[in-house]
Amino acid sequence: MKGKRKGSGAFTLIEVMLAVAIFAFAVVGFAVALNDVFGIQVELMRTNQVRQAVESCAARILATTNNLVPTGEKFIAEPAFSSDRVRVEVAVLPVVPPISLPAADGRGARPLVGWWQIRVRALGADRQWVDGLSFLLWQR
């Protein structure tokens, strides 16, 4: 008696083809997942660049507080911090009415004048809001 059956070669071929197909699905799934991870990493880098531009603009304003010019609600472009994909804009508003600080002796409030509200925003290429910040600043 021989130990080999007649149809066992075809069965081995089907097993090999099935194993290759399963391996191909695994490779395609891994490639899709890796592509998603790279896409997320690129978006994080883009977001960090925008945030860095906004914070750099705010740091420049903090360093040069002696020459603030009120713009009201109108935002003025900052070309030094803008790029082809992001436009950084600044609005400078005096705080009116002044901030009032309660007096220690309880005889009313003492007005604190000279405060400014600084708004920095970043707009994308489609002029949609991407990032921004706002802070109060006392001009010396």
C-alpha atoms as a PDB file:
ATOM      1  CA  MET A   1       0.000   0.000   0.000  1.00  0.00           C
ATOM      2  CA  LYS A   2       1.113   3.393  -0.813  1.00  0.00           C
ATOM      3  CA  GLY A   3       0.719   6.209   1.801  1.00  0.00           C
ATOM      4  CA  LYS A   4      -0.410   8.872  -0.640  1.00  0.00           C
ATOM      5  CA  ARG A   5      -3.958   9.559  -1.777  1.00  0.00           C
ATOM      6  CA  LYS A   6      -4.915  10.669  -5.205  1.00  0.00           C
ATOM      7  CA  GLY A   7      -6.304  14.217  -4.461  1.00  0.00           C
ATOM      8  CA  SER A   8      -3.887  15.374  -1.718  1.00  0.00           C
ATOM      9  CA  GLY A   9      -1.837  17.618  -4.112  1.00  0.00           C
ATOM     10  CA  ALA A  10      -4.871  19.767  -4.894  1.00  0.00           C
ATOM     11  CA  PHE A  11      -5.701  20.071  -1.212  1.00  0.00           C
ATOM     12  CA  THR A  12      -2.168  21.322  -0.444  1.00  0.00           C
ATOM     13  CA  LEU A  13      -2.459  23.885  -3.242  1.00  0.00           C
ATOM     14  CA  ILE A  14      -5.741  25.220  -1.789  1.00  0.00           C
ATOM     15  CA  GLU A  15      -4.155  25.455   1.686  1.00  0.00           C
ATOM     16  CA  VAL A  16      -1.188  27.421   0.322  1.00  0.00           C
ATOM     17  CA  MET A  17      -3.444  29.797  -1.644  1.00  0.00           C
ATOM     18  CA  LEU A  18      -5.628  30.362   1.413  1.00  0.00           C
ATOM     19  CA  ALA A  19      -2.563  31.081   3.586  1.00  0.00           C
ATOM     20  CA  VAL A  20      -1.219  33.577   1.017  1.00  0.00           C
ATOM     21  CA  ALA A  21      -4.610  35.318   0.823  1.00  0.00           C
ATOM     22  CA  ILE A  22      -4.836  35.640   4.625  1.00  0.00           C
ATOM     23  CA  PHE A  23      -1.275  36.968   4.760  1.00  0.00           C
ATOM     24  CA  ALA A  24      -2.100  39.495   1.996  1.00  0.00           C
ATOM     25  CA  PHE A  25      -5.123  40.740   3.971  1.00  0.00           C
ATOM     26  CA  ALA A  26      -2.907  41.161   7.037  1.00  0.00           C
ATOM     27  CA  VAL A  27      -0.328  43.124   5.049  1.00  0.00           C
ATOM     28  CA  VAL A  28      -3.002  45.384   3.536  1.00  0.00           C
ATOM     29  CA  GLY A  29      -4.513  45.986   6.998  1.00  0.00           C
ATOM     30  CA  PHE A  30      -1.092  46.847   8.410  1.00  0.00           C
ATOM     31  CA  ALA A  31      -0.420  49.250   5.516  1.00  0.00           C
ATOM     32  CA  VAL A  32      -3.760  51.022   6.063  1.00  0.00           C
ATOM     33  CA  ALA A  33      -3.079  51.356   9.807  1.00  0.00           C
ATOM     34  CA  LEU A  34       0.439  52.664   9.147  1.00  0.00           C
ATOM     35  CA  ASN A  35      -0.944  55.209   6.672  1.00  0.00           C
ATOM     36  CA  ASP A  36      -3.427  56.439   9.302  1.00  0.00           C
ATOM     37  CA  VAL A  37      -0.641  56.797  11.874  1.00  0.00           C
ATOM     38  CA  PHE A  38       1.455  58.835   9.422  1.00  0.00           C
ATOM     39  CA  GLY A  39      -1.551  61.020   8.611  1.00  0.00           C
ATOM     40  CA  ILE A  40      -2.131  61.709  12.302  1.00  0.00           C
ATOM     41  CA  GLN A  41       1.564  62.537  12.770  1.00  0.00           C
ATOM     42  CA  VAL A  42       1.495  65.017   9.864  1.00  0.00           C
ATOM     43  CA  GLU A  43      -1.629  66.681  11.287  1.00  0.00           C
ATOM     44  CA  LEU A  44       0.014  66.946  14.727  1.00  0.00           C
ATOM     45  CA  MET A  45       3.092  68.586  13.200  1.00  0.00           C
ATOM     46  CA  ARG A  46       0.909  71.056  11.269  1.00  0.00           C
ATOM     47  CA  THR A  47      -1.082  71.877  14.419  1.00  0.00           C
ATOM     48  CA  ASN A  48       2.118  72.388  16.415  1.00  0.00           C
ATOM     49  CA  GLN A  49       3.513  74.739  13.749  1.00  0.00           C
ATOM     50  CA  VAL A  50       0.349  76.844  13.850  1.00  0.00           C
ATOM     51  CA  ARG A  51       0.390  76.917  17.646  1.00  0.00           C
ATOM     52  CA  GLN A  52       4.052  77.909  17.636  1.00  0.00           C
ATOM     53  CA  ALA A  53       3.344  80.793  15.227  1.00  0.00           C
ATOM     54  CA  VAL A  54       0.512  82.067  17.445  1.00  0.00           C
ATOM     55  CA  GLU A  55       2.603  81.801  20.613  1.00  0.00           C
ATOM     56  CA  SER A  56       5.617  83.464  18.957  1.00  0.00           C
ATOM     57  CA  CYS A  57       3.442  86.377  17.915  1.00  0.00           C
ATOM     58  CA  ALA A  58       2.086  86.664  21.466  1.00  0.00           C
ATOM     59  CA  ALA A  59       5.633  86.549  22.867  1.00  0.00           C
ATOM     60  CA  ARG A  60       6.686  89.397  20.556  1.00  0.00           C
ATOM     61  CA  ILE A  61       3.741  91.461  21.763  1.00  0.00           C
ATOM     62  CA  LEU A  62       4.655  90.749  25.401  1.00  0.00           C
ATOM     63  CA  ALA A  63       8.246  91.817  24.721  1.00  0.00           C
ATOM     64  CA  THR A  64       7.208  95.124  23.097  1.00  0.00           C
ATOM     65  CA  THR A  65       4.369  96.294  25.326  1.00  0.00           C
ATOM     66  CA  ASN A  66       5.419  99.931  25.183  1.00  0.00           C
ATOM     67  CA  ASN A  67       4.161 100.521  21.626  1.00  0.00           C
ATOM     68  CA  LEU A  68       0.691  98.983  21.486  1.00  0.00           C
ATOM     69  CA  VAL A  69      -1.721 100.592  19.066  1.00  0.00           C
ATOM     70  CA  PRO A  70      -5.434  99.927  19.608  1.00  0.00           C
ATOM     71  CA  THR A  71      -7.145  98.294  16.627  1.00  0.00           C
ATOM     72  CA  GLY A  72     -10.566  97.711  18.152  1.00  0.00           C
ATOM     73  CA  GLU A  73     -12.358  94.633  16.865  1.00  0.00           C
ATOM     74  CA  LYS A  74     -10.383  94.759  13.607  1.00  0.00           C
ATOM     75  CA  PHE A  75      -7.679  92.112  13.221  1.00  0.00           C
ATOM     76  CA  ILE A  76      -4.383  93.212  11.635  1.00  0.00           C
ATOM     77  CA  ALA A  77      -2.232  90.676   9.762  1.00  0.00           C
ATOM     78  CA  GLU A  78       1.183  89.802  11.141  1.00  0.00           C
ATOM     79  CA  PRO A  79       3.278  88.857   8.075  1.00  0.00           C
ATOM     80  CA  ALA A  80       6.328  87.895  10.147  1.00  0.00           C
ATOM     81  CA  PHE A  81       4.424  84.950  11.603  1.00  0.00           C
ATOM     82  CA  SER A  82       2.257  84.074   8.597  1.00  0.00           C
ATOM     83  CA  SER A  83       3.008  81.552   5.864  1.00  0.00           C
ATOM     84  CA  ASP A  84       1.343  80.387   2.672  1.00  0.00           C
ATOM     85  CA  ARG A  85      -0.967  78.067   4.637  1.00  0.00           C
ATOM     86  CA  VAL A  86      -1.544  80.094   7.813  1.00  0.00           C
ATOM     87  CA  ARG A  87      -2.323  83.775   8.376  1.00  0.00           C
ATOM     88  CA  VAL A  88      -1.680  85.148  11.884  1.00  0.00           C
ATOM     89  CA  GLU A  89      -3.692  88.229  12.895  1.00  0.00           C
ATOM     90  CA  VAL A  90      -3.750  90.434  16.003  1.00  0.00           C
ATOM     91  CA  ALA A  91      -6.378  92.683  17.574  1.00  0.00           C
ATOM     92  CA  VAL A  92      -5.552  95.093  20.428  1.00  0.00           C
ATOM     93  CA  LEU A  93      -8.423  96.433  22.519  1.00  0.00           C
ATOM     94  CA  PRO A  94      -8.211  98.717  25.555  1.00  0.00           C
ATOM     95  CA  VAL A  95     -10.229  97.338  28.466  1.00  0.00           C
ATOM     96  CA  VAL A  96     -13.144  99.719  28.944  1.00  0.00           C
ATOM     97  CA  PRO A  97     -14.483 100.210  31.586  1.00  0.00           C
ATOM     98  CA  PRO A  98     -11.332  99.801  33.684  1.00  0.00           C
ATOM     99  CA  ILE A  99     -10.947  96.788  35.921  1.00  0.00           C
ATOM    100  CA  SER A 100     -11.970  97.716  39.462  1.00  0.00           C
ATOM    101  CA  LEU A 101     -10.195  96.299  42.469  1.00  0.00           C
ATOM    102  CA  PRO A 102     -12.010  96.365  45.828  1.00  0.00           C
ATOM    103  CA  ALA A 103     -10.221  98.553  48.357  1.00  0.00           C
ATOM    104  CA  ALA A 104      -8.751  96.902  51.434  1.00  0.00           C
ATOM    105  CA  ASP A 105     -10.574  99.278  53.806  1.00  0.00           C
ATOM    106  CA  GLY A 106     -13.938  98.606  52.155  1.00  0.00           C
ATOM    107  CA  ARG A 107     -14.478 102.173  50.911  1.00  0.00           C
ATOM    108  CA  GLY A 108     -15.326 101.350  47.306  1.00  0.00           C
ATOM    109  CA  ALA A 109     -13.340 100.101  44.418  1.00  0.00           C
ATOM    110  CA  ARG A 110     -10.094 101.379  42.958  1.00  0.00           C
ATOM    111  CA  PRO A 111     -10.004 101.453  39.122  1.00  0.00           C
ATOM    112  CA  LEU A 112      -7.020  99.828  37.442  1.00  0.00           C
ATOM    113  CA  VAL A 113      -6.417 101.599  34.144  1.00  0.00           C
ATOM    114  CA  GLY A 114      -4.022 100.760  31.348  1.00  0.00           C
ATOM    115  CA  TRP A 115      -5.147  97.196  30.682  1.00  0.00           C
ATOM    116  CA  TRP A 116      -5.297  95.849  27.123  1.00  0.00           C
ATOM    117  CA  GLN A 117      -6.924  92.739  25.741  1.00  0.00           C
ATOM    118  CA  ILE A 118      -4.738  91.124  23.090  1.00  0.00           C
ATOM    119  CA  ARG A 119      -6.315  88.632  20.676  1.00  0.00           C
ATOM    120  CA  VAL A 120      -4.121  86.531  18.392  1.00  0.00           C
ATOM    121  CA  ARG A 121      -5.672  84.173  15.878  1.00  0.00           C
ATOM    122  CA  ALA A 122      -4.484  81.939  13.063  1.00  0.00           C
ATOM    123  CA  LEU A 123      -6.548  81.442   9.930  1.00  0.00           C
ATOM    124  CA  GLY A 124      -6.068  78.608   7.469  1.00  0.00           C
ATOM    125  CA  ALA A 125      -5.766  78.913   3.707  1.00  0.00           C
ATOM    126  CA  ASP A 126      -9.573  78.832   3.456  1.00  0.00           C
ATOM    127  CA  ARG A 127      -9.815  81.791   5.932  1.00  0.00           C
ATOM    128  CA  GLN A 128     -11.304  79.525   8.617  1.00  0.00           C
ATOM    129  CA  TRP A 129     -10.240  79.868  12.265  1.00  0.00           C
ATOM    130  CA  VAL A 130      -7.504  77.335  13.125  1.00  0.00           C
ATOM    131  CA  ASP A 131      -6.103  78.440  16.480  1.00  0.00           C
ATOM    132  CA  GLY A 132      -5.902  81.473  18.713  1.00  0.00           C
ATOM    133  CA  LEU A 133      -5.437  82.919  22.146  1.00  0.00           C
ATOM    134  CA  SER A 134      -6.426  85.977  24.117  1.00  0.00           C
ATOM    135  CA  PHE A 135      -4.734  87.555  27.124  1.00  0.00           C
ATOM    136  CA  LEU A 136      -4.799  90.702  29.254  1.00  0.00           C
ATOM    137  CA  LEU A 137      -1.767  92.931  29.345  1.00  0.00           C
ATOM    138  CA  TRP A 138      -0.947  95.924  31.482  1.00  0.00           C
ATOM    139  CA  GLN A 139       1.099  98.463  29.573  1.00  0.00           C
ATOM    140  CA  ARG A 140       3.840  99.962  31.686  1.00  0.00           C
END
